[in-house]
């Protein structure tokens, strides 16, 4: 049980890890909503365009993009396919590896990106940078940068890559509105960069060591922390950062394997509960030790007690601000 193993951590370790996970869920969901409202473009699209736009040749492989965004290569290939149909990128076989597919940002993609960056940065400042004090931003950026630097080079990006630092004067993107101050970059970029590579590393180790997909583990872990191992579907969607259709598809997969089931909410005909089954409990209990060991190796062992508390306080404030603004 995920909850059982969480209790083996100290209070600071537990709260810091939960704050890191929740802050990414809530902040990225809010940034996505703001970007869609302002520009009609999703954060998923923006993320890929940004990685390509900050390479001087505007080109990267699908594998590199998947690692940077914390996706499988299949998931990234689907995303690239949509961008290709929109004329924002092109695809071609790599000149150095025929099995690899290179993705290049088109002129239309560059134009779209330069429209998106100012809108995105306004939201970043409103929901993250302006919520924290300068000293908190410095401390947070220092801790998260250390975590990123400790990840395997093939995950965080090989040294010597031609990718420029996003939002900096060195970036190929033009204009002051596409830039952050030095202090802002020191805080925001580690937060941005730790999500995809850390998630990719944890998911890869979980899948390799236990065979359990991270998407399954996430839902089972959340259900294990609730009385009766059950949670309303709309709450589960919010906790996972998914749409209603997204959480429905995920629960469909769990039901097919007998790991979870749906039940009606007593007294509420329109409500549906997601419930973990005894089989799901057994799968979670088998996978949890591996996952918790990975979290300790790539996060907890790199941060001291004072830094854990600072990280929790800062990220929890970001989460609470966003929650307070939710309808």
C-alpha atoms as a PDB file:
ATOM      1  CA  UNK A   1       0.000   0.000   0.000  1.00  0.00           C
ATOM      2  CA  UNK A   2       1.324   3.412  -0.982  1.00  0.00           C
ATOM      3  CA  UNK A   3      -0.098   4.936   2.212  1.00  0.00           C
ATOM      4  CA  UNK A   4       1.682   2.319   4.331  1.00  0.00           C
ATOM      5  CA  UNK A   5       5.048   3.063   2.766  1.00  0.00           C
ATOM      6  CA  UNK A   6       4.509   6.831   2.942  1.00  0.00           C
ATOM      7  CA  UNK A   7       4.251   6.436   6.723  1.00  0.00           C
ATOM      8  CA  UNK A   8       7.821   5.140   6.749  1.00  0.00           C
ATOM      9  CA  UNK A   9       9.027   8.598   5.672  1.00  0.00           C
ATOM     10  CA  UNK A  10       9.416  11.524   8.047  1.00  0.00           C
ATOM     11  CA  UNK A  11       6.668  14.149   8.090  1.00  0.00           C
ATOM     12  CA  UNK A  12       8.900  16.616   6.207  1.00  0.00           C
ATOM     13  CA  UNK A  13       9.765  14.038   3.541  1.00  0.00           C
ATOM     14  CA  UNK A  14       6.160  13.084   3.021  1.00  0.00           C
ATOM     15  CA  UNK A  15       4.835  16.651   2.858  1.00  0.00           C
ATOM     16  CA  UNK A  16       7.619  17.839   0.555  1.00  0.00           C
ATOM     17  CA  UNK A  17       7.041  14.995  -1.916  1.00  0.00           C
ATOM     18  CA  UNK A  18       3.267  15.466  -1.937  1.00  0.00           C
ATOM     19  CA  UNK A  19       3.726  19.236  -2.376  1.00  0.00           C
ATOM     20  CA  UNK A  20       6.049  18.702  -5.348  1.00  0.00           C
ATOM     21  CA  UNK A  21       3.613  16.321  -7.036  1.00  0.00           C
ATOM     22  CA  UNK A  22       0.522  18.444  -6.305  1.00  0.00           C
ATOM     23  CA  UNK A  23       2.165  21.703  -7.337  1.00  0.00           C
ATOM     24  CA  UNK A  24       2.951  20.283 -10.749  1.00  0.00           C
ATOM     25  CA  UNK A  25      -0.581  18.926 -11.154  1.00  0.00           C
ATOM     26  CA  UNK A  26      -2.368  22.096 -10.090  1.00  0.00           C
ATOM     27  CA  UNK A  27       0.015  24.633 -11.605  1.00  0.00           C
ATOM     28  CA  UNK A  28       0.295  22.938 -14.988  1.00  0.00           C
ATOM     29  CA  UNK A  29      -3.484  22.500 -15.125  1.00  0.00           C
ATOM     30  CA  UNK A  30      -3.979  26.207 -14.352  1.00  0.00           C
ATOM     31  CA  UNK A  31      -1.347  27.284 -16.888  1.00  0.00           C
ATOM     32  CA  UNK A  32      -3.017  25.046 -19.471  1.00  0.00           C
ATOM     33  CA  UNK A  33      -6.440  26.573 -18.777  1.00  0.00           C
ATOM     34  CA  UNK A  34      -5.067  30.123 -18.967  1.00  0.00           C
ATOM     35  CA  UNK A  35      -3.196  29.456 -22.214  1.00  0.00           C
ATOM     36  CA  UNK A  36      -6.261  27.904 -23.845  1.00  0.00           C
ATOM     37  CA  UNK A  37      -8.426  30.831 -22.716  1.00  0.00           C
ATOM     38  CA  UNK A  38      -5.974  33.425 -24.054  1.00  0.00           C
ATOM     39  CA  UNK A  39      -4.720  31.735 -27.222  1.00  0.00           C
ATOM     40  CA  UNK A  40      -6.742  28.581 -27.928  1.00  0.00           C
ATOM     41  CA  UNK A  41      -3.540  26.507 -27.676  1.00  0.00           C
ATOM     42  CA  UNK A  42      -2.885  23.803 -25.095  1.00  0.00           C
ATOM     43  CA  UNK A  43       0.113  23.703 -22.781  1.00  0.00           C
ATOM     44  CA  UNK A  44       1.018  20.326 -24.325  1.00  0.00           C
ATOM     45  CA  UNK A  45       1.431  21.974 -27.727  1.00  0.00           C
ATOM     46  CA  UNK A  46       3.317  24.916 -26.254  1.00  0.00           C
ATOM     47  CA  UNK A  47       5.720  22.627 -24.400  1.00  0.00           C
ATOM     48  CA  UNK A  48       6.831  20.845 -27.577  1.00  0.00           C
ATOM     49  CA  UNK A  49       7.120  24.074 -29.578  1.00  0.00           C
ATOM     50  CA  UNK A  50       9.215  25.641 -26.817  1.00  0.00           C
ATOM     51  CA  UNK A  51      11.711  22.771 -26.700  1.00  0.00           C
ATOM     52  CA  UNK A  52      12.140  22.965 -30.463  1.00  0.00           C
ATOM     53  CA  UNK A  53      12.206  26.765 -30.554  1.00  0.00           C
ATOM     54  CA  UNK A  54      15.098  26.934 -28.130  1.00  0.00           C
ATOM     55  CA  UNK A  55      17.290  24.715 -30.289  1.00  0.00           C
ATOM     56  CA  UNK A  56      19.320  26.699 -32.755  1.00  0.00           C
ATOM     57  CA  UNK A  57      18.510  24.279 -35.550  1.00  0.00           C
ATOM     58  CA  UNK A  58      14.885  23.978 -34.316  1.00  0.00           C
ATOM     59  CA  UNK A  59      15.223  20.181 -34.457  1.00  0.00           C
ATOM     60  CA  UNK A  60      15.063  17.299 -31.955  1.00  0.00           C
ATOM     61  CA  UNK A  61      14.243  13.599 -32.065  1.00  0.00           C
ATOM     62  CA  UNK A  62      10.911  12.282 -30.839  1.00  0.00           C
ATOM     63  CA  UNK A  63      12.790  10.338 -28.152  1.00  0.00           C
ATOM     64  CA  UNK A  64      14.492  13.494 -26.828  1.00  0.00           C
ATOM     65  CA  UNK A  65      11.188  15.369 -26.774  1.00  0.00           C
ATOM     66  CA  UNK A  66       9.471  12.484 -24.968  1.00  0.00           C
ATOM     67  CA  UNK A  67      12.097  12.481 -22.231  1.00  0.00           C
ATOM     68  CA  UNK A  68      11.974  16.259 -21.847  1.00  0.00           C
ATOM     69  CA  UNK A  69       8.178  16.213 -21.501  1.00  0.00           C
ATOM     70  CA  UNK A  70       7.901  13.064 -19.377  1.00  0.00           C
ATOM     71  CA  UNK A  71       6.000  11.098 -22.047  1.00  0.00           C
ATOM     72  CA  UNK A  72       6.417   7.752 -23.732  1.00  0.00           C
ATOM     73  CA  UNK A  73       7.735   7.850 -27.285  1.00  0.00           C
ATOM     74  CA  UNK A  74       4.316   6.637 -28.450  1.00  0.00           C
ATOM     75  CA  UNK A  75       2.585   9.483 -26.639  1.00  0.00           C
ATOM     76  CA  UNK A  76       4.995  12.028 -28.077  1.00  0.00           C
ATOM     77  CA  UNK A  77       4.641  10.590 -31.584  1.00  0.00           C
ATOM     78  CA  UNK A  78       0.879  11.161 -31.379  1.00  0.00           C
ATOM     79  CA  UNK A  79       1.434  14.732 -30.215  1.00  0.00           C
ATOM     80  CA  UNK A  80       3.918  15.381 -33.032  1.00  0.00           C
ATOM     81  CA  UNK A  81       1.499  13.921 -35.564  1.00  0.00           C
ATOM     82  CA  UNK A  82      -1.112  16.510 -34.620  1.00  0.00           C
ATOM     83  CA  UNK A  83       1.408  19.363 -34.804  1.00  0.00           C
ATOM     84  CA  UNK A  84       2.546  18.118 -38.213  1.00  0.00           C
ATOM     85  CA  UNK A  85      -1.041  18.176 -39.499  1.00  0.00           C
ATOM     86  CA  UNK A  86      -1.325  21.763 -38.264  1.00  0.00           C
ATOM     87  CA  UNK A  87       1.820  22.727 -40.162  1.00  0.00           C
ATOM     88  CA  UNK A  88       3.745  23.669 -37.013  1.00  0.00           C
ATOM     89  CA  UNK A  89       6.421  20.951 -37.354  1.00  0.00           C
ATOM     90  CA  UNK A  90       7.769  18.570 -39.977  1.00  0.00           C
ATOM     91  CA  UNK A  91       9.040  15.011 -39.513  1.00  0.00           C
ATOM     92  CA  UNK A  92      11.930  13.222 -41.213  1.00  0.00           C
ATOM     93  CA  UNK A  93      14.232  10.265 -40.637  1.00  0.00           C
ATOM     94  CA  UNK A  94      17.312  11.218 -38.648  1.00  0.00           C
ATOM     95  CA  UNK A  95      20.471  11.715 -40.700  1.00  0.00           C
ATOM     96  CA  UNK A  96      22.488   9.777 -38.118  1.00  0.00           C
ATOM     97  CA  UNK A  97      20.012   7.038 -37.153  1.00  0.00           C
ATOM     98  CA  UNK A  98      17.440   5.751 -39.635  1.00  0.00           C
ATOM     99  CA  UNK A  99      15.330   4.334 -36.806  1.00  0.00           C
ATOM    100  CA  UNK A 100      15.005   7.764 -35.183  1.00  0.00           C
ATOM    101  CA  UNK A 101      12.576  10.445 -36.304  1.00  0.00           C
ATOM    102  CA  UNK A 102      13.675  14.073 -36.237  1.00  0.00           C
ATOM    103  CA  UNK A 103      11.131  16.835 -35.676  1.00  0.00           C
ATOM    104  CA  UNK A 104      11.739  20.363 -36.974  1.00  0.00           C
ATOM    105  CA  UNK A 105       9.846  23.505 -36.063  1.00  0.00           C
ATOM    106  CA  UNK A 106       8.458  25.264 -39.135  1.00  0.00           C
ATOM    107  CA  UNK A 107       8.277  29.026 -39.682  1.00  0.00           C
ATOM    108  CA  UNK A 108       4.578  28.789 -38.842  1.00  0.00           C
ATOM    109  CA  UNK A 109       5.546  26.986 -35.620  1.00  0.00           C
ATOM    110  CA  UNK A 110       8.000  29.752 -34.714  1.00  0.00           C
ATOM    111  CA  UNK A 111       5.346  32.389 -35.321  1.00  0.00           C
ATOM    112  CA  UNK A 112       2.841  30.497 -33.170  1.00  0.00           C
ATOM    113  CA  UNK A 113       5.409  30.077 -30.392  1.00  0.00           C
ATOM    114  CA  UNK A 114       6.266  33.774 -30.303  1.00  0.00           C
ATOM    115  CA  UNK A 115       2.553  34.523 -29.872  1.00  0.00           C
ATOM    116  CA  UNK A 116       2.260  32.006 -27.034  1.00  0.00           C
ATOM    117  CA  UNK A 117       5.289  32.856 -24.889  1.00  0.00           C
ATOM    118  CA  UNK A 118       4.084  36.247 -23.566  1.00  0.00           C
ATOM    119  CA  UNK A 119       0.686  34.797 -22.598  1.00  0.00           C
ATOM    120  CA  UNK A 120       2.344  31.859 -20.894  1.00  0.00           C
ATOM    121  CA  UNK A 121       4.796  34.030 -18.953  1.00  0.00           C
ATOM    122  CA  UNK A 122       2.002  36.262 -17.671  1.00  0.00           C
ATOM    123  CA  UNK A 123       0.346  33.166 -16.201  1.00  0.00           C
ATOM    124  CA  UNK A 124       3.640  31.868 -14.766  1.00  0.00           C
ATOM    125  CA  UNK A 125       4.182  35.151 -12.963  1.00  0.00           C
ATOM    126  CA  UNK A 126       0.600  35.344 -11.697  1.00  0.00           C
ATOM    127  CA  UNK A 127       0.379  31.781 -10.372  1.00  0.00           C
ATOM    128  CA  UNK A 128       3.971  31.044  -9.365  1.00  0.00           C
ATOM    129  CA  UNK A 129       6.616  33.778  -9.375  1.00  0.00           C
ATOM    130  CA  UNK A 130       4.485  36.512  -7.792  1.00  0.00           C
ATOM    131  CA  UNK A 131       3.118  34.128  -5.132  1.00  0.00           C
ATOM    132  CA  UNK A 132       6.529  33.563  -3.502  1.00  0.00           C
ATOM    133  CA  UNK A 133       9.078  35.871  -1.895  1.00  0.00           C
ATOM    134  CA  UNK A 134      12.464  36.357  -3.636  1.00  0.00           C
ATOM    135  CA  UNK A 135      14.281  34.362  -0.936  1.00  0.00           C
ATOM    136  CA  UNK A 136      11.821  31.483  -1.362  1.00  0.00           C
ATOM    137  CA  UNK A 137      12.327  31.508  -5.109  1.00  0.00           C
ATOM    138  CA  UNK A 138      16.104  31.381  -4.691  1.00  0.00           C
ATOM    139  CA  UNK A 139      15.939  28.478  -2.217  1.00  0.00           C
ATOM    140  CA  UNK A 140      13.426  26.561  -4.318  1.00  0.00           C
ATOM    141  CA  UNK A 141      15.414  27.017  -7.516  1.00  0.00           C
ATOM    142  CA  UNK A 142      18.628  25.848  -5.836  1.00  0.00           C
ATOM    143  CA  UNK A 143      17.065  22.623  -4.520  1.00  0.00           C
ATOM    144  CA  UNK A 144      15.282  21.720  -7.736  1.00  0.00           C
ATOM    145  CA  UNK A 145      18.350  22.466  -9.873  1.00  0.00           C
ATOM    146  CA  UNK A 146      20.326  20.007  -7.727  1.00  0.00           C
ATOM    147  CA  UNK A 147      17.698  17.325  -8.324  1.00  0.00           C
ATOM    148  CA  UNK A 148      17.748  17.918 -12.086  1.00  0.00           C
ATOM    149  CA  UNK A 149      21.564  17.798 -12.192  1.00  0.00           C
ATOM    150  CA  UNK A 150      21.569  14.432 -10.395  1.00  0.00           C
ATOM    151  CA  UNK A 151      19.287  12.758 -12.955  1.00  0.00           C
ATOM    152  CA  UNK A 152      20.851  10.563 -15.672  1.00  0.00           C
ATOM    153  CA  UNK A 153      22.314  12.698 -18.520  1.00  0.00           C
ATOM    154  CA  UNK A 154      20.232  10.901 -21.139  1.00  0.00           C
ATOM    155  CA  UNK A 155      17.071  12.001 -19.314  1.00  0.00           C
ATOM    156  CA  UNK A 156      17.840  15.608 -18.424  1.00  0.00           C
ATOM    157  CA  UNK A 157      19.710  16.323 -21.667  1.00  0.00           C
ATOM    158  CA  UNK A 158      23.241  15.499 -22.733  1.00  0.00           C
ATOM    159  CA  UNK A 159      25.883  18.040 -21.865  1.00  0.00           C
ATOM    160  CA  UNK A 160      26.826  20.128 -24.864  1.00  0.00           C
ATOM    161  CA  UNK A 161      23.320  20.110 -26.315  1.00  0.00           C
ATOM    162  CA  UNK A 162      22.586  23.029 -28.606  1.00  0.00           C
ATOM    163  CA  UNK A 163      19.391  23.838 -26.710  1.00  0.00           C
ATOM    164  CA  UNK A 164      19.491  27.385 -25.352  1.00  0.00           C
ATOM    165  CA  UNK A 165      18.020  28.339 -22.013  1.00  0.00           C
ATOM    166  CA  UNK A 166      14.340  29.229 -22.480  1.00  0.00           C
ATOM    167  CA  UNK A 167      13.293  32.851 -21.944  1.00  0.00           C
ATOM    168  CA  UNK A 168      16.921  34.088 -21.861  1.00  0.00           C
ATOM    169  CA  UNK A 169      18.793  36.587 -24.078  1.00  0.00           C
ATOM    170  CA  UNK A 170      20.553  33.564 -25.644  1.00  0.00           C
ATOM    171  CA  UNK A 171      17.235  32.089 -26.759  1.00  0.00           C
ATOM    172  CA  UNK A 172      16.476  32.300 -30.489  1.00  0.00           C
ATOM    173  CA  UNK A 173      13.059  33.664 -29.533  1.00  0.00           C
ATOM    174  CA  UNK A 174      12.759  37.403 -30.032  1.00  0.00           C
ATOM    175  CA  UNK A 175      11.515  40.237 -27.861  1.00  0.00           C
ATOM    176  CA  UNK A 176      11.604  41.274 -24.218  1.00  0.00           C
ATOM    177  CA  UNK A 177       8.208  39.707 -23.587  1.00  0.00           C
ATOM    178  CA  UNK A 178       9.720  36.255 -24.194  1.00  0.00           C
ATOM    179  CA  UNK A 179      12.251  36.654 -21.381  1.00  0.00           C
ATOM    180  CA  UNK A 180      12.420  36.278 -17.633  1.00  0.00           C
ATOM    181  CA  UNK A 181      14.780  38.091 -15.302  1.00  0.00           C
ATOM    182  CA  UNK A 182      17.810  36.170 -14.029  1.00  0.00           C
ATOM    183  CA  UNK A 183      16.159  35.678 -10.628  1.00  0.00           C
ATOM    184  CA  UNK A 184      12.924  34.452 -12.220  1.00  0.00           C
ATOM    185  CA  UNK A 185      14.758  31.992 -14.446  1.00  0.00           C
ATOM    186  CA  UNK A 186      16.718  30.569 -11.506  1.00  0.00           C
ATOM    187  CA  UNK A 187      13.430  29.624  -9.857  1.00  0.00           C
ATOM    188  CA  UNK A 188      11.124  28.787 -12.748  1.00  0.00           C
ATOM    189  CA  UNK A 189      13.418  26.783 -15.031  1.00  0.00           C
ATOM    190  CA  UNK A 190      14.385  24.131 -12.428  1.00  0.00           C
ATOM    191  CA  UNK A 191      10.694  23.757 -11.536  1.00  0.00           C
ATOM    192  CA  UNK A 192       9.855  23.402 -15.234  1.00  0.00           C
ATOM    193  CA  UNK A 193      12.742  21.036 -15.957  1.00  0.00           C
ATOM    194  CA  UNK A 194      12.389  18.747 -12.964  1.00  0.00           C
ATOM    195  CA  UNK A 195       8.866  17.621 -13.857  1.00  0.00           C
ATOM    196  CA  UNK A 196       9.339  15.795 -17.140  1.00  0.00           C
ATOM    197  CA  UNK A 197      12.750  14.160 -16.542  1.00  0.00           C
ATOM    198  CA  UNK A 198      11.992  13.159 -12.930  1.00  0.00           C
ATOM    199  CA  UNK A 199       8.609  11.753 -13.903  1.00  0.00           C
ATOM    200  CA  UNK A 200      10.170   9.895 -16.839  1.00  0.00           C
ATOM    201  CA  UNK A 201      12.885   8.404 -14.592  1.00  0.00           C
ATOM    202  CA  UNK A 202      10.450   7.282 -11.878  1.00  0.00           C
ATOM    203  CA  UNK A 203       8.039   5.812 -14.400  1.00  0.00           C
ATOM    204  CA  UNK A 204      10.808   4.002 -16.294  1.00  0.00           C
ATOM    205  CA  UNK A 205      12.213   2.448 -13.120  1.00  0.00           C
ATOM    206  CA  UNK A 206       8.740   1.443 -11.926  1.00  0.00           C
ATOM    207  CA  UNK A 207       7.895  -0.202 -15.244  1.00  0.00           C
ATOM    208  CA  UNK A 208      11.278  -1.941 -15.504  1.00  0.00           C
ATOM    209  CA  UNK A 209      11.353  -3.258 -11.923  1.00  0.00           C
ATOM    210  CA  UNK A 210       7.677  -4.158 -11.435  1.00  0.00           C
ATOM    211  CA  UNK A 211       5.931  -4.094 -14.820  1.00  0.00           C
ATOM    212  CA  UNK A 212       3.304  -1.713 -13.418  1.00  0.00           C
ATOM    213  CA  UNK A 213       2.510   1.327 -15.626  1.00  0.00           C
ATOM    214  CA  UNK A 214       2.831   4.645 -13.831  1.00  0.00           C
ATOM    215  CA  UNK A 215      -0.713   5.600 -14.853  1.00  0.00           C
ATOM    216  CA  UNK A 216      -2.031   2.550 -12.988  1.00  0.00           C
ATOM    217  CA  UNK A 217       0.143   3.217  -9.959  1.00  0.00           C
ATOM    218  CA  UNK A 218      -0.947   6.852  -9.671  1.00  0.00           C
ATOM    219  CA  UNK A 219      -4.638   5.989  -9.491  1.00  0.00           C
ATOM    220  CA  UNK A 220      -4.149   3.026  -7.136  1.00  0.00           C
ATOM    221  CA  UNK A 221      -1.939   5.098  -4.824  1.00  0.00           C
ATOM    222  CA  UNK A 222      -4.533   7.870  -4.610  1.00  0.00           C
ATOM    223  CA  UNK A 223      -7.341   5.397  -3.887  1.00  0.00           C
ATOM    224  CA  UNK A 224      -5.258   3.667  -1.196  1.00  0.00           C
ATOM    225  CA  UNK A 225      -5.204   6.879   0.846  1.00  0.00           C
ATOM    226  CA  UNK A 226      -9.008   7.146   0.968  1.00  0.00           C
ATOM    227  CA  UNK A 227     -11.430   5.375   3.343  1.00  0.00           C
ATOM    228  CA  UNK A 228     -12.767   2.257   1.641  1.00  0.00           C
ATOM    229  CA  UNK A 229     -10.214   2.719  -1.172  1.00  0.00           C
ATOM    230  CA  UNK A 230     -12.742   4.818  -3.072  1.00  0.00           C
ATOM    231  CA  UNK A 231     -13.056   8.309  -4.512  1.00  0.00           C
ATOM    232  CA  UNK A 232     -15.553  10.198  -6.661  1.00  0.00           C
ATOM    233  CA  UNK A 233     -14.532  10.175 -10.315  1.00  0.00           C
ATOM    234  CA  UNK A 234     -14.532  13.970 -10.594  1.00  0.00           C
ATOM    235  CA  UNK A 235     -12.213  14.258  -7.572  1.00  0.00           C
ATOM    236  CA  UNK A 236      -9.923  11.574  -8.994  1.00  0.00           C
ATOM    237  CA  UNK A 237      -9.733  13.471 -12.284  1.00  0.00           C
ATOM    238  CA  UNK A 238      -8.713  16.645 -10.429  1.00  0.00           C
ATOM    239  CA  UNK A 239      -6.071  14.809  -8.361  1.00  0.00           C
ATOM    240  CA  UNK A 240      -4.577  13.224 -11.483  1.00  0.00           C
ATOM    241  CA  UNK A 241      -4.721  16.413 -13.545  1.00  0.00           C
ATOM    242  CA  UNK A 242      -7.018  14.720 -16.082  1.00  0.00           C
ATOM    243  CA  UNK A 243     -10.207  15.630 -17.884  1.00  0.00           C
ATOM    244  CA  UNK A 244     -13.332  13.612 -17.122  1.00  0.00           C
ATOM    245  CA  UNK A 245     -12.904  11.650 -20.339  1.00  0.00           C
ATOM    246  CA  UNK A 246      -9.238  11.097 -19.503  1.00  0.00           C
ATOM    247  CA  UNK A 247      -9.925   9.636 -16.074  1.00  0.00           C
ATOM    248  CA  UNK A 248     -12.730   7.528 -17.559  1.00  0.00           C
ATOM    249  CA  UNK A 249     -10.307   5.966 -20.054  1.00  0.00           C
ATOM    250  CA  UNK A 250      -7.765   5.340 -17.314  1.00  0.00           C
ATOM    251  CA  UNK A 251     -10.321   3.618 -15.098  1.00  0.00           C
ATOM    252  CA  UNK A 252     -11.475   1.558 -18.085  1.00  0.00           C
ATOM    253  CA  UNK A 253      -7.956   0.091 -18.290  1.00  0.00           C
ATOM    254  CA  UNK A 254      -7.868  -0.640 -14.560  1.00  0.00           C
ATOM    255  CA  UNK A 255     -11.274  -2.326 -14.753  1.00  0.00           C
ATOM    256  CA  UNK A 256     -10.129  -4.528 -17.641  1.00  0.00           C
ATOM    257  CA  UNK A 257      -7.317  -5.860 -15.435  1.00  0.00           C
ATOM    258  CA  UNK A 258      -9.531  -6.208 -12.373  1.00  0.00           C
ATOM    259  CA  UNK A 259      -7.626  -3.546 -10.428  1.00  0.00           C
ATOM    260  CA  UNK A 260     -10.552  -1.164  -9.883  1.00  0.00           C
ATOM    261  CA  UNK A 261     -14.292  -0.932 -10.379  1.00  0.00           C
ATOM    262  CA  UNK A 262     -17.047   1.654 -10.517  1.00  0.00           C
ATOM    263  CA  UNK A 263     -19.858   2.011  -7.996  1.00  0.00           C
ATOM    264  CA  UNK A 264     -22.743   4.403  -7.684  1.00  0.00           C
ATOM    265  CA  UNK A 265     -22.521   7.079  -5.011  1.00  0.00           C
ATOM    266  CA  UNK A 266     -25.159   6.290  -2.348  1.00  0.00           C
ATOM    267  CA  UNK A 267     -27.954   8.839  -2.588  1.00  0.00           C
ATOM    268  CA  UNK A 268     -26.534  10.468  -5.739  1.00  0.00           C
ATOM    269  CA  UNK A 269     -27.625   8.884  -9.013  1.00  0.00           C
ATOM    270  CA  UNK A 270     -25.320  11.090 -11.072  1.00  0.00           C
ATOM    271  CA  UNK A 271     -22.230  10.411  -8.954  1.00  0.00           C
ATOM    272  CA  UNK A 272     -19.780   7.565  -9.597  1.00  0.00           C
ATOM    273  CA  UNK A 273     -17.087   6.175  -7.316  1.00  0.00           C
ATOM    274  CA  UNK A 274     -13.793   4.667  -8.445  1.00  0.00           C
ATOM    275  CA  UNK A 275     -12.978   1.790  -6.081  1.00  0.00           C
ATOM    276  CA  UNK A 276      -9.743  -0.170  -5.817  1.00  0.00           C
ATOM    277  CA  UNK A 277     -10.243  -3.942  -5.713  1.00  0.00           C
ATOM    278  CA  UNK A 278      -8.265  -6.452  -3.614  1.00  0.00           C
ATOM    279  CA  UNK A 279      -6.358  -7.342  -6.789  1.00  0.00           C
ATOM    280  CA  UNK A 280      -5.457  -3.672  -7.262  1.00  0.00           C
ATOM    281  CA  UNK A 281      -4.379  -3.525  -3.618  1.00  0.00           C
ATOM    282  CA  UNK A 282      -2.025  -6.472  -4.177  1.00  0.00           C
ATOM    283  CA  UNK A 283      -0.510  -4.874  -7.293  1.00  0.00           C
ATOM    284  CA  UNK A 284       0.051  -1.588  -5.462  1.00  0.00           C
ATOM    285  CA  UNK A 285       1.584  -3.371  -2.478  1.00  0.00           C
ATOM    286  CA  UNK A 286       4.027  -5.134  -4.817  1.00  0.00           C
ATOM    287  CA  UNK A 287       4.993  -1.980  -6.718  1.00  0.00           C
ATOM    288  CA  UNK A 288       5.152   0.544  -3.851  1.00  0.00           C
ATOM    289  CA  UNK A 289       8.568  -0.422  -2.405  1.00  0.00           C
ATOM    290  CA  UNK A 290      10.229   0.048  -5.806  1.00  0.00           C
ATOM    291  CA  UNK A 291       8.572   3.400  -6.407  1.00  0.00           C
ATOM    292  CA  UNK A 292       9.331   4.727  -2.927  1.00  0.00           C
ATOM    293  CA  UNK A 293      12.974   3.685  -3.262  1.00  0.00           C
ATOM    294  CA  UNK A 294      13.191   5.583  -6.562  1.00  0.00           C
ATOM    295  CA  UNK A 295      11.689   8.707  -5.001  1.00  0.00           C
ATOM    296  CA  UNK A 296      14.210   8.518  -2.182  1.00  0.00           C
ATOM    297  CA  UNK A 297      17.131   7.979  -4.558  1.00  0.00           C
ATOM    298  CA  UNK A 298      16.255  10.789  -6.961  1.00  0.00           C
ATOM    299  CA  UNK A 299      14.700  13.311  -4.563  1.00  0.00           C
ATOM    300  CA  UNK A 300      14.701  12.819  -0.798  1.00  0.00           C
ATOM    301  CA  UNK A 301      18.360  11.831  -0.388  1.00  0.00           C
ATOM    302  CA  UNK A 302      19.436  14.983  -2.241  1.00  0.00           C
ATOM    303  CA  UNK A 303      17.674  17.425   0.104  1.00  0.00           C
ATOM    304  CA  UNK A 304      18.296  18.146   3.806  1.00  0.00           C
ATOM    305  CA  UNK A 305      15.589  18.641   6.445  1.00  0.00           C
ATOM    306  CA  UNK A 306      15.587  22.435   6.302  1.00  0.00           C
ATOM    307  CA  UNK A 307      15.329  22.405   2.511  1.00  0.00           C
ATOM    308  CA  UNK A 308      12.454  19.913   2.638  1.00  0.00           C
ATOM    309  CA  UNK A 309      10.516  22.240   4.919  1.00  0.00           C
ATOM    310  CA  UNK A 310      11.280  25.273   2.724  1.00  0.00           C
ATOM    311  CA  UNK A 311      10.194  23.372  -0.364  1.00  0.00           C
ATOM    312  CA  UNK A 312       6.952  22.239   1.268  1.00  0.00           C
ATOM    313  CA  UNK A 313       6.015  25.718   2.505  1.00  0.00           C
ATOM    314  CA  UNK A 314       6.690  27.367  -0.861  1.00  0.00           C
ATOM    315  CA  UNK A 315       4.992  24.815  -3.098  1.00  0.00           C
ATOM    316  CA  UNK A 316       2.069  24.313  -0.734  1.00  0.00           C
ATOM    317  CA  UNK A 317       1.371  28.054  -0.899  1.00  0.00           C
ATOM    318  CA  UNK A 318       1.298  27.841  -4.705  1.00  0.00           C
ATOM    319  CA  UNK A 319      -1.152  24.924  -4.506  1.00  0.00           C
ATOM    320  CA  UNK A 320      -3.406  26.633  -1.964  1.00  0.00           C
ATOM    321  CA  UNK A 321      -3.509  29.843  -4.032  1.00  0.00           C
ATOM    322  CA  UNK A 322      -4.605  27.944  -7.118  1.00  0.00           C
ATOM    323  CA  UNK A 323      -7.177  25.928  -5.158  1.00  0.00           C
ATOM    324  CA  UNK A 324      -8.635  29.119  -3.714  1.00  0.00           C
ATOM    325  CA  UNK A 325      -9.149  30.459  -7.249  1.00  0.00           C
ATOM    326  CA  UNK A 326     -10.911  27.336  -8.509  1.00  0.00           C
ATOM    327  CA  UNK A 327     -14.708  27.560  -9.024  1.00  0.00           C
END
